[in-house]
């Protein structure tokens, strides 16, 4: 939690908590953490599963969002990953993805989304994990930047930073 960095957006406060593997616990943490934020000055951003969370938060809190290769059906996509996995940022650590987490994602997916505020979805056609056509179909009501090539991690993120900001 702190300033985003003088070079990019000096007036922005950056909050990027380590989320628990449980989607229900992750949402609780995010909702508690954003409760005191001024709504006219708040936006959310997420990538992949975090993009799904950001879209959900955006719709329920009425704040703008930037979605980077956002998951559309995370319960379906993550069902095959039940079990223990290395943490991406630190392979020496691991998390255990429980079957109950798929049910938690299904509950989040089944909730009707209220009116959608302004969103920007950056969708890479070269995403090797998620289907860009599903992302486009889900988020076409907002502003979409359909990127030829690139990848799931959006390796060319810095090229898109001006539009994100």
N, C-alpha and C. Protein backbone atom coordinates (compact mmCIF):
# COMPACT_ATOMS: atom_id res chain seq x y z
N UNK A 1 0.86 -1.16 0.00
CA UNK A 1 0.00 0.00 0.00
C UNK A 1 0.90 1.22 0.00
N UNK A 2 0.73 2.10 -0.94
CA UNK A 2 1.56 3.29 -0.98
C UNK A 2 1.50 3.95 -2.34
N UNK A 3 2.30 5.00 -2.53
CA UNK A 3 2.29 5.71 -3.81
C UNK A 3 2.67 4.79 -4.97
N UNK A 4 2.06 5.03 -6.11
CA UNK A 4 2.30 4.19 -7.28
C UNK A 4 3.68 4.41 -7.88
N UNK A 5 4.25 5.55 -7.65
CA UNK A 5 5.57 5.82 -8.21
C UNK A 5 5.56 7.14 -8.95
N UNK A 6 6.55 7.93 -8.68
CA UNK A 6 6.60 9.28 -9.23
C UNK A 6 6.63 9.30 -10.75
N UNK A 7 7.24 8.32 -11.37
CA UNK A 7 7.39 8.33 -12.81
C UNK A 7 6.10 8.07 -13.57
N UNK A 8 5.17 7.37 -13.00
CA UNK A 8 3.96 6.97 -13.74
C UNK A 8 2.72 7.76 -13.34
N UNK A 9 2.39 7.75 -12.08
CA UNK A 9 1.16 8.40 -11.63
C UNK A 9 1.35 8.86 -10.18
N UNK A 10 1.95 10.02 -9.98
CA UNK A 10 2.29 10.45 -8.62
C UNK A 10 1.08 10.60 -7.70
N UNK A 11 -0.12 10.84 -8.22
CA UNK A 11 -1.29 11.04 -7.37
C UNK A 11 -2.04 9.75 -7.07
N UNK A 12 -1.52 8.62 -7.49
CA UNK A 12 -2.21 7.35 -7.34
C UNK A 12 -1.66 6.58 -6.15
N UNK A 13 -2.56 6.06 -5.34
CA UNK A 13 -2.15 5.16 -4.26
C UNK A 13 -2.34 3.74 -4.75
N UNK A 14 -1.31 2.95 -4.62
CA UNK A 14 -1.29 1.57 -5.11
C UNK A 14 -1.54 0.64 -3.94
N UNK A 15 -2.51 -0.26 -4.07
CA UNK A 15 -2.77 -1.28 -3.05
C UNK A 15 -2.90 -2.61 -3.77
N UNK A 16 -1.98 -3.51 -3.50
CA UNK A 16 -1.94 -4.80 -4.17
C UNK A 16 -1.69 -5.87 -3.12
N UNK A 17 -2.74 -6.27 -2.41
CA UNK A 17 -2.54 -7.24 -1.33
C UNK A 17 -2.28 -8.65 -1.86
N UNK A 18 -1.58 -9.44 -1.09
CA UNK A 18 -1.42 -10.86 -1.41
C UNK A 18 -2.75 -11.52 -1.11
N UNK A 19 -3.40 -12.04 -2.13
CA UNK A 19 -4.73 -12.62 -1.95
C UNK A 19 -4.65 -14.08 -1.56
N UNK A 20 -5.54 -14.50 -0.67
CA UNK A 20 -5.60 -15.93 -0.33
C UNK A 20 -6.11 -16.74 -1.52
N UNK A 21 -5.82 -18.03 -1.53
CA UNK A 21 -6.27 -18.90 -2.62
C UNK A 21 -7.80 -19.02 -2.65
N UNK A 22 -8.44 -18.91 -1.51
CA UNK A 22 -9.90 -18.99 -1.45
C UNK A 22 -10.52 -17.75 -2.09
N UNK A 23 -11.32 -17.90 -3.14
CA UNK A 23 -11.97 -16.73 -3.75
C UNK A 23 -12.87 -15.98 -2.77
N UNK A 24 -13.57 -16.69 -1.89
CA UNK A 24 -14.43 -16.02 -0.91
C UNK A 24 -13.59 -15.17 0.04
N UNK A 25 -12.48 -15.72 0.52
CA UNK A 25 -11.60 -14.96 1.41
C UNK A 25 -10.95 -13.80 0.67
N UNK A 26 -10.59 -14.01 -0.60
CA UNK A 26 -10.00 -12.94 -1.40
C UNK A 26 -10.99 -11.79 -1.55
N UNK A 27 -12.23 -12.10 -1.88
CA UNK A 27 -13.25 -11.05 -2.03
C UNK A 27 -13.50 -10.33 -0.72
N UNK A 28 -13.56 -11.08 0.38
CA UNK A 28 -13.75 -10.43 1.69
C UNK A 28 -12.63 -9.44 1.96
N UNK A 29 -11.38 -9.86 1.71
CA UNK A 29 -10.24 -8.99 1.92
C UNK A 29 -10.34 -7.74 1.05
N UNK A 30 -10.67 -7.92 -0.22
CA UNK A 30 -10.77 -6.79 -1.15
C UNK A 30 -11.91 -5.86 -0.77
N UNK A 31 -13.05 -6.41 -0.40
CA UNK A 31 -14.19 -5.56 -0.02
C UNK A 31 -13.89 -4.79 1.26
N UNK A 32 -13.26 -5.43 2.22
CA UNK A 32 -12.89 -4.74 3.47
C UNK A 32 -11.85 -3.65 3.19
N UNK A 33 -10.88 -3.97 2.35
CA UNK A 33 -9.81 -3.03 2.05
C UNK A 33 -10.25 -1.81 1.27
N UNK A 34 -11.28 -1.96 0.46
CA UNK A 34 -11.76 -0.85 -0.36
C UNK A 34 -12.92 -0.10 0.28
N UNK A 35 -13.41 -0.55 1.42
CA UNK A 35 -14.61 0.03 2.03
C UNK A 35 -14.47 1.53 2.31
N UNK A 36 -13.31 1.97 2.72
CA UNK A 36 -13.14 3.37 3.08
C UNK A 36 -12.66 4.25 1.93
N UNK A 37 -12.44 3.67 0.78
CA UNK A 37 -11.93 4.45 -0.35
C UNK A 37 -13.01 5.39 -0.88
N UNK A 38 -12.63 6.61 -1.23
CA UNK A 38 -13.60 7.53 -1.84
C UNK A 38 -13.99 7.04 -3.24
N UNK A 39 -15.26 6.83 -3.47
CA UNK A 39 -15.72 6.22 -4.72
C UNK A 39 -15.39 7.05 -5.97
N UNK A 40 -15.37 8.35 -5.88
CA UNK A 40 -15.06 9.17 -7.04
C UNK A 40 -13.60 9.14 -7.43
N UNK A 41 -12.76 8.58 -6.56
CA UNK A 41 -11.32 8.59 -6.80
C UNK A 41 -10.75 7.18 -6.80
N UNK A 42 -11.58 6.19 -6.96
CA UNK A 42 -11.14 4.80 -6.87
C UNK A 42 -11.31 4.08 -8.19
N UNK A 43 -10.35 3.25 -8.52
CA UNK A 43 -10.43 2.36 -9.67
C UNK A 43 -9.77 1.05 -9.26
N UNK A 44 -10.10 -0.01 -9.95
CA UNK A 44 -9.49 -1.31 -9.68
C UNK A 44 -8.86 -1.84 -10.96
N UNK A 45 -7.85 -2.70 -10.79
CA UNK A 45 -7.19 -3.29 -11.93
C UNK A 45 -6.79 -4.71 -11.56
N UNK A 46 -6.91 -5.62 -12.52
CA UNK A 46 -6.51 -6.99 -12.27
C UNK A 46 -6.24 -7.72 -13.57
N UNK A 47 -5.49 -8.79 -13.44
CA UNK A 47 -5.10 -9.60 -14.58
C UNK A 47 -5.50 -11.05 -14.34
N UNK A 48 -6.03 -11.71 -15.37
CA UNK A 48 -6.41 -13.11 -15.30
C UNK A 48 -7.51 -13.30 -14.25
N UNK A 49 -7.28 -14.14 -13.23
CA UNK A 49 -8.28 -14.27 -12.17
C UNK A 49 -8.48 -12.93 -11.47
N UNK A 50 -7.39 -12.18 -11.32
CA UNK A 50 -7.50 -10.83 -10.75
C UNK A 50 -8.35 -9.92 -11.62
N UNK A 51 -8.36 -10.16 -12.93
CA UNK A 51 -9.23 -9.40 -13.83
C UNK A 51 -10.69 -9.74 -13.61
N UNK A 52 -10.97 -11.01 -13.33
CA UNK A 52 -12.34 -11.42 -12.97
C UNK A 52 -12.75 -10.73 -11.68
N UNK A 53 -11.85 -10.76 -10.68
CA UNK A 53 -12.14 -10.09 -9.41
C UNK A 53 -12.36 -8.59 -9.62
N UNK A 54 -11.51 -7.95 -10.43
CA UNK A 54 -11.63 -6.51 -10.67
C UNK A 54 -12.94 -6.18 -11.37
N UNK A 55 -13.37 -7.01 -12.33
CA UNK A 55 -14.66 -6.77 -13.00
C UNK A 55 -15.80 -6.90 -12.01
N UNK A 56 -15.73 -7.90 -11.14
CA UNK A 56 -16.77 -8.11 -10.13
C UNK A 56 -16.82 -6.92 -9.17
N UNK A 57 -15.65 -6.51 -8.69
CA UNK A 57 -15.60 -5.36 -7.77
C UNK A 57 -16.08 -4.08 -8.45
N UNK A 58 -15.67 -3.88 -9.69
CA UNK A 58 -16.07 -2.70 -10.44
C UNK A 58 -17.59 -2.61 -10.53
N UNK A 59 -18.21 -3.72 -10.88
CA UNK A 59 -19.66 -3.74 -11.03
C UNK A 59 -20.38 -3.55 -9.70
N UNK A 60 -19.88 -4.17 -8.63
CA UNK A 60 -20.55 -4.10 -7.34
C UNK A 60 -20.26 -2.82 -6.56
N UNK A 61 -19.10 -2.21 -6.80
CA UNK A 61 -18.75 -0.99 -6.09
C UNK A 61 -19.03 0.26 -6.92
N UNK A 62 -19.28 0.07 -8.21
CA UNK A 62 -19.54 1.22 -9.08
C UNK A 62 -18.30 2.05 -9.35
N UNK A 63 -17.15 1.38 -9.50
CA UNK A 63 -15.90 2.09 -9.78
C UNK A 63 -15.33 1.60 -11.11
N UNK A 64 -14.55 2.43 -11.80
CA UNK A 64 -13.94 2.00 -13.06
C UNK A 64 -12.92 0.88 -12.85
N UNK A 65 -12.65 0.16 -13.93
CA UNK A 65 -11.71 -0.96 -13.85
C UNK A 65 -10.87 -1.05 -15.10
N UNK A 66 -9.65 -1.55 -14.92
CA UNK A 66 -8.79 -1.96 -16.01
C UNK A 66 -8.64 -3.47 -15.87
N UNK A 67 -9.00 -4.19 -16.92
CA UNK A 67 -8.99 -5.64 -16.90
C UNK A 67 -7.95 -6.12 -17.92
N UNK A 68 -7.00 -6.90 -17.46
CA UNK A 68 -5.93 -7.38 -18.34
C UNK A 68 -6.12 -8.89 -18.53
N UNK A 69 -6.43 -9.28 -19.75
CA UNK A 69 -6.71 -10.69 -20.04
C UNK A 69 -7.54 -11.33 -18.92
N UNK A 70 -8.74 -10.76 -18.68
CA UNK A 70 -9.54 -11.21 -17.54
C UNK A 70 -10.17 -12.58 -17.75
N UNK A 71 -10.13 -13.40 -16.72
CA UNK A 71 -10.82 -14.68 -16.75
C UNK A 71 -12.32 -14.42 -16.86
N UNK A 72 -12.99 -15.25 -17.63
CA UNK A 72 -14.44 -15.13 -17.81
C UNK A 72 -15.17 -16.23 -17.05
N UNK A 73 -14.66 -17.44 -17.12
CA UNK A 73 -15.26 -18.59 -16.44
C UNK A 73 -14.20 -19.26 -15.55
N UNK A 74 -13.77 -18.57 -14.48
CA UNK A 74 -12.68 -19.13 -13.69
C UNK A 74 -13.02 -20.46 -13.01
N UNK A 75 -14.28 -20.69 -12.67
CA UNK A 75 -14.59 -21.98 -12.04
C UNK A 75 -14.33 -23.12 -13.01
N UNK A 76 -14.68 -22.94 -14.26
CA UNK A 76 -14.42 -23.95 -15.29
C UNK A 76 -12.92 -24.10 -15.54
N UNK A 77 -12.24 -22.96 -15.69
CA UNK A 77 -10.83 -22.97 -16.07
C UNK A 77 -9.92 -23.49 -14.96
N UNK A 78 -10.29 -23.24 -13.71
CA UNK A 78 -9.43 -23.64 -12.60
C UNK A 78 -9.79 -24.99 -12.00
N UNK A 79 -10.90 -25.58 -12.41
CA UNK A 79 -11.32 -26.88 -11.86
C UNK A 79 -10.26 -27.96 -12.07
N UNK A 80 -9.50 -27.85 -13.13
CA UNK A 80 -8.48 -28.87 -13.40
C UNK A 80 -7.18 -28.64 -12.62
N UNK A 81 -7.14 -27.58 -11.82
CA UNK A 81 -5.93 -27.27 -11.05
C UNK A 81 -6.08 -27.55 -9.56
N UNK A 82 -7.06 -28.35 -9.18
CA UNK A 82 -7.22 -28.72 -7.78
C UNK A 82 -5.96 -29.48 -7.34
N UNK A 83 -5.42 -29.08 -6.21
CA UNK A 83 -4.20 -29.72 -5.70
C UNK A 83 -3.16 -28.68 -5.34
N UNK A 84 -1.94 -29.15 -5.10
CA UNK A 84 -0.85 -28.28 -4.68
C UNK A 84 -0.08 -27.76 -5.90
N UNK A 85 0.26 -26.47 -5.83
CA UNK A 85 0.97 -25.83 -6.94
C UNK A 85 2.00 -24.86 -6.39
N UNK A 86 3.14 -24.68 -7.09
CA UNK A 86 4.12 -23.68 -6.66
C UNK A 86 3.55 -22.27 -6.84
N UNK A 87 3.94 -21.38 -5.97
CA UNK A 87 3.54 -19.98 -6.09
C UNK A 87 4.35 -19.38 -7.23
N UNK A 88 3.68 -18.72 -8.16
CA UNK A 88 4.32 -18.21 -9.37
C UNK A 88 5.50 -17.29 -9.04
N UNK A 89 5.32 -16.38 -8.08
CA UNK A 89 6.37 -15.42 -7.76
C UNK A 89 7.51 -16.07 -6.98
N UNK A 90 7.24 -17.18 -6.28
CA UNK A 90 8.25 -17.83 -5.45
C UNK A 90 8.02 -19.34 -5.47
N UNK A 91 8.60 -20.04 -6.45
CA UNK A 91 8.38 -21.48 -6.60
C UNK A 91 8.77 -22.32 -5.37
N UNK A 92 9.52 -21.74 -4.43
CA UNK A 92 9.87 -22.47 -3.21
C UNK A 92 8.65 -22.59 -2.29
N UNK A 93 7.65 -21.75 -2.51
CA UNK A 93 6.41 -21.81 -1.74
C UNK A 93 5.33 -22.49 -2.58
N UNK A 94 4.29 -22.96 -1.91
CA UNK A 94 3.20 -23.57 -2.66
C UNK A 94 1.86 -23.19 -2.05
N UNK A 95 0.83 -23.35 -2.87
CA UNK A 95 -0.54 -23.17 -2.40
C UNK A 95 -1.31 -24.44 -2.72
N UNK A 96 -2.39 -24.65 -2.00
CA UNK A 96 -3.24 -25.79 -2.29
C UNK A 96 -4.59 -25.26 -2.74
N UNK A 97 -4.95 -25.57 -3.98
CA UNK A 97 -6.23 -25.14 -4.53
C UNK A 97 -7.26 -26.22 -4.25
N UNK A 98 -8.20 -25.91 -3.38
CA UNK A 98 -9.18 -26.88 -2.89
C UNK A 98 -10.41 -26.95 -3.79
N UNK A 99 -11.09 -28.10 -3.83
CA UNK A 99 -12.34 -28.21 -4.61
C UNK A 99 -13.38 -27.17 -4.19
N UNK A 100 -13.38 -26.80 -2.92
CA UNK A 100 -14.35 -25.81 -2.44
C UNK A 100 -14.16 -24.46 -3.13
N UNK A 101 -12.93 -24.18 -3.57
CA UNK A 101 -12.66 -22.90 -4.23
C UNK A 101 -13.39 -22.80 -5.57
N UNK A 102 -13.55 -23.92 -6.24
CA UNK A 102 -14.30 -23.93 -7.50
C UNK A 102 -15.75 -23.55 -7.23
N UNK A 103 -16.30 -24.08 -6.13
CA UNK A 103 -17.68 -23.73 -5.75
C UNK A 103 -17.79 -22.24 -5.40
N UNK A 104 -16.78 -21.72 -4.73
CA UNK A 104 -16.78 -20.29 -4.39
C UNK A 104 -16.76 -19.44 -5.67
N UNK A 105 -15.97 -19.85 -6.64
CA UNK A 105 -15.94 -19.12 -7.92
C UNK A 105 -17.28 -19.22 -8.63
N UNK A 106 -17.90 -20.39 -8.57
CA UNK A 106 -19.22 -20.56 -9.20
C UNK A 106 -20.24 -19.60 -8.58
N UNK A 107 -20.17 -19.42 -7.26
CA UNK A 107 -21.08 -18.49 -6.60
C UNK A 107 -20.85 -17.06 -7.07
N UNK A 108 -19.57 -16.67 -7.19
CA UNK A 108 -19.27 -15.32 -7.68
C UNK A 108 -19.75 -15.15 -9.12
N UNK A 109 -19.52 -16.16 -9.96
CA UNK A 109 -19.92 -16.09 -11.36
C UNK A 109 -21.44 -16.00 -11.50
N UNK A 110 -22.17 -16.62 -10.58
CA UNK A 110 -23.63 -16.69 -10.72
C UNK A 110 -24.33 -15.43 -10.24
N UNK A 111 -23.62 -14.55 -9.55
CA UNK A 111 -24.24 -13.33 -9.06
C UNK A 111 -24.45 -12.36 -10.21
N UNK A 112 -25.65 -11.84 -10.33
CA UNK A 112 -25.88 -10.87 -11.41
C UNK A 112 -25.04 -9.61 -11.17
N UNK A 113 -24.47 -9.11 -12.24
CA UNK A 113 -23.66 -7.91 -12.13
C UNK A 113 -24.53 -6.68 -12.30
N UNK A 114 -24.44 -5.75 -11.34
CA UNK A 114 -25.18 -4.49 -11.50
C UNK A 114 -24.62 -3.70 -12.68
N UNK A 115 -25.11 -2.49 -12.83
CA UNK A 115 -24.66 -1.67 -13.94
C UNK A 115 -23.14 -1.61 -13.98
N UNK A 116 -22.61 -1.67 -15.16
CA UNK A 116 -21.16 -1.67 -15.32
C UNK A 116 -20.65 -0.25 -15.50
N UNK A 117 -19.75 0.19 -14.63
CA UNK A 117 -19.12 1.48 -14.84
C UNK A 117 -18.08 1.36 -15.97
N UNK A 118 -17.37 2.43 -16.19
CA UNK A 118 -16.38 2.44 -17.26
C UNK A 118 -15.32 1.37 -17.02
N UNK A 119 -15.09 0.56 -18.03
CA UNK A 119 -14.02 -0.42 -17.95
C UNK A 119 -13.16 -0.32 -19.20
N UNK A 120 -11.91 -0.69 -19.01
CA UNK A 120 -10.98 -0.84 -20.12
C UNK A 120 -10.47 -2.26 -20.03
N UNK A 121 -10.72 -3.05 -21.06
CA UNK A 121 -10.22 -4.42 -21.10
C UNK A 121 -9.11 -4.51 -22.13
N UNK A 122 -7.93 -4.92 -21.69
CA UNK A 122 -6.82 -5.19 -22.59
C UNK A 122 -6.80 -6.69 -22.82
N UNK A 123 -7.03 -7.08 -24.06
CA UNK A 123 -7.20 -8.48 -24.40
C UNK A 123 -6.19 -8.85 -25.48
N UNK A 124 -5.32 -9.79 -25.15
CA UNK A 124 -4.28 -10.23 -26.10
C UNK A 124 -4.77 -11.43 -26.89
N UNK A 125 -4.77 -11.30 -28.21
CA UNK A 125 -5.13 -12.44 -29.05
C UNK A 125 -4.14 -13.58 -28.91
N UNK A 126 -2.93 -13.28 -28.46
CA UNK A 126 -1.91 -14.31 -28.29
C UNK A 126 -1.93 -14.97 -26.92
N UNK A 127 -2.97 -14.69 -26.11
CA UNK A 127 -3.07 -15.29 -24.78
C UNK A 127 -3.08 -16.80 -24.92
N UNK A 128 -2.10 -17.46 -24.30
CA UNK A 128 -1.98 -18.91 -24.41
C UNK A 128 -2.74 -19.64 -23.32
N UNK A 129 -3.41 -18.91 -22.41
CA UNK A 129 -4.12 -19.53 -21.29
C UNK A 129 -5.63 -19.39 -21.45
N UNK A 130 -6.08 -18.19 -21.78
CA UNK A 130 -7.51 -17.90 -21.88
C UNK A 130 -7.90 -17.56 -23.31
N UNK A 131 -9.15 -17.81 -23.65
CA UNK A 131 -9.66 -17.57 -25.00
C UNK A 131 -10.04 -16.09 -25.15
N UNK A 132 -9.33 -15.38 -26.02
CA UNK A 132 -9.58 -13.95 -26.20
C UNK A 132 -11.00 -13.68 -26.68
N UNK A 133 -11.61 -14.64 -27.41
CA UNK A 133 -12.98 -14.43 -27.90
C UNK A 133 -13.99 -14.40 -26.75
N UNK A 134 -13.76 -15.24 -25.74
CA UNK A 134 -14.64 -15.21 -24.55
C UNK A 134 -14.48 -13.88 -23.80
N UNK A 135 -13.24 -13.42 -23.68
CA UNK A 135 -13.00 -12.15 -22.99
C UNK A 135 -13.68 -11.01 -23.74
N UNK A 136 -13.54 -11.00 -25.05
CA UNK A 136 -14.14 -9.94 -25.86
C UNK A 136 -15.66 -9.97 -25.75
N UNK A 137 -16.24 -11.16 -25.84
CA UNK A 137 -17.71 -11.27 -25.74
C UNK A 137 -18.21 -10.76 -24.39
N UNK A 138 -17.50 -11.06 -23.32
CA UNK A 138 -17.93 -10.66 -21.98
C UNK A 138 -17.77 -9.16 -21.75
N UNK A 139 -16.72 -8.57 -22.29
CA UNK A 139 -16.38 -7.19 -21.92
C UNK A 139 -16.56 -6.18 -23.05
N UNK A 140 -17.22 -6.56 -24.13
CA UNK A 140 -17.34 -5.65 -25.27
C UNK A 140 -18.20 -4.42 -24.98
N UNK A 141 -18.99 -4.44 -23.92
CA UNK A 141 -19.80 -3.26 -23.58
C UNK A 141 -18.93 -2.09 -23.11
N UNK A 142 -17.74 -2.40 -22.61
CA UNK A 142 -16.83 -1.35 -22.18
C UNK A 142 -15.82 -1.04 -23.28
N UNK A 143 -14.81 -0.28 -22.93
CA UNK A 143 -13.74 0.02 -23.88
C UNK A 143 -12.81 -1.19 -23.96
N UNK A 144 -12.51 -1.62 -25.17
CA UNK A 144 -11.66 -2.81 -25.37
C UNK A 144 -10.46 -2.43 -26.21
N UNK A 145 -9.32 -2.90 -25.77
CA UNK A 145 -8.10 -2.80 -26.59
C UNK A 145 -7.72 -4.23 -26.96
N UNK A 146 -8.04 -4.62 -28.19
CA UNK A 146 -7.73 -5.96 -28.67
C UNK A 146 -6.31 -5.93 -29.25
N UNK A 147 -5.43 -6.68 -28.63
CA UNK A 147 -4.01 -6.62 -28.95
C UNK A 147 -3.63 -7.82 -29.81
N UNK A 148 -3.10 -7.55 -30.99
CA UNK A 148 -2.59 -8.62 -31.83
C UNK A 148 -1.36 -9.21 -31.16
N UNK A 149 -1.29 -10.52 -31.09
CA UNK A 149 -0.12 -11.15 -30.48
C UNK A 149 -0.13 -11.01 -28.97
N UNK A 150 1.03 -10.67 -28.41
CA UNK A 150 1.28 -10.58 -26.98
C UNK A 150 1.06 -11.94 -26.33
N UNK A 151 0.75 -11.98 -25.03
CA UNK A 151 0.60 -13.25 -24.32
C UNK A 151 -0.24 -13.04 -23.07
N UNK A 152 -0.44 -14.11 -22.30
CA UNK A 152 -1.29 -14.03 -21.11
C UNK A 152 -0.73 -13.05 -20.09
N UNK A 153 0.58 -13.01 -19.95
CA UNK A 153 1.21 -12.11 -18.98
C UNK A 153 1.25 -10.67 -19.47
N UNK A 154 0.83 -10.43 -20.70
CA UNK A 154 0.91 -9.12 -21.35
C UNK A 154 2.32 -8.57 -21.19
N UNK A 155 3.27 -9.30 -21.78
CA UNK A 155 4.69 -8.96 -21.67
C UNK A 155 4.99 -7.55 -22.16
N UNK A 156 4.14 -7.02 -23.02
CA UNK A 156 4.34 -5.65 -23.53
C UNK A 156 3.50 -4.65 -22.73
N UNK A 157 3.30 -4.92 -21.44
CA UNK A 157 2.48 -4.10 -20.55
C UNK A 157 2.84 -2.62 -20.63
N UNK A 158 4.13 -2.33 -20.61
CA UNK A 158 4.56 -0.92 -20.59
C UNK A 158 4.09 -0.17 -21.83
N UNK A 159 3.92 -0.86 -22.96
CA UNK A 159 3.41 -0.20 -24.17
C UNK A 159 1.98 0.29 -23.97
N UNK A 160 1.26 -0.31 -23.06
CA UNK A 160 -0.16 0.00 -22.84
C UNK A 160 -0.38 0.90 -21.62
N UNK A 161 0.70 1.20 -20.90
CA UNK A 161 0.58 1.98 -19.68
C UNK A 161 -0.07 3.36 -19.88
N UNK A 162 0.27 4.10 -20.93
CA UNK A 162 -0.40 5.40 -21.11
C UNK A 162 -1.92 5.27 -21.18
N UNK A 163 -2.43 4.28 -21.90
CA UNK A 163 -3.88 4.09 -21.99
C UNK A 163 -4.46 3.65 -20.66
N UNK A 164 -3.74 2.82 -19.92
CA UNK A 164 -4.20 2.35 -18.62
C UNK A 164 -4.33 3.53 -17.66
N UNK A 165 -3.32 4.37 -17.64
CA UNK A 165 -3.34 5.52 -16.73
C UNK A 165 -4.39 6.54 -17.12
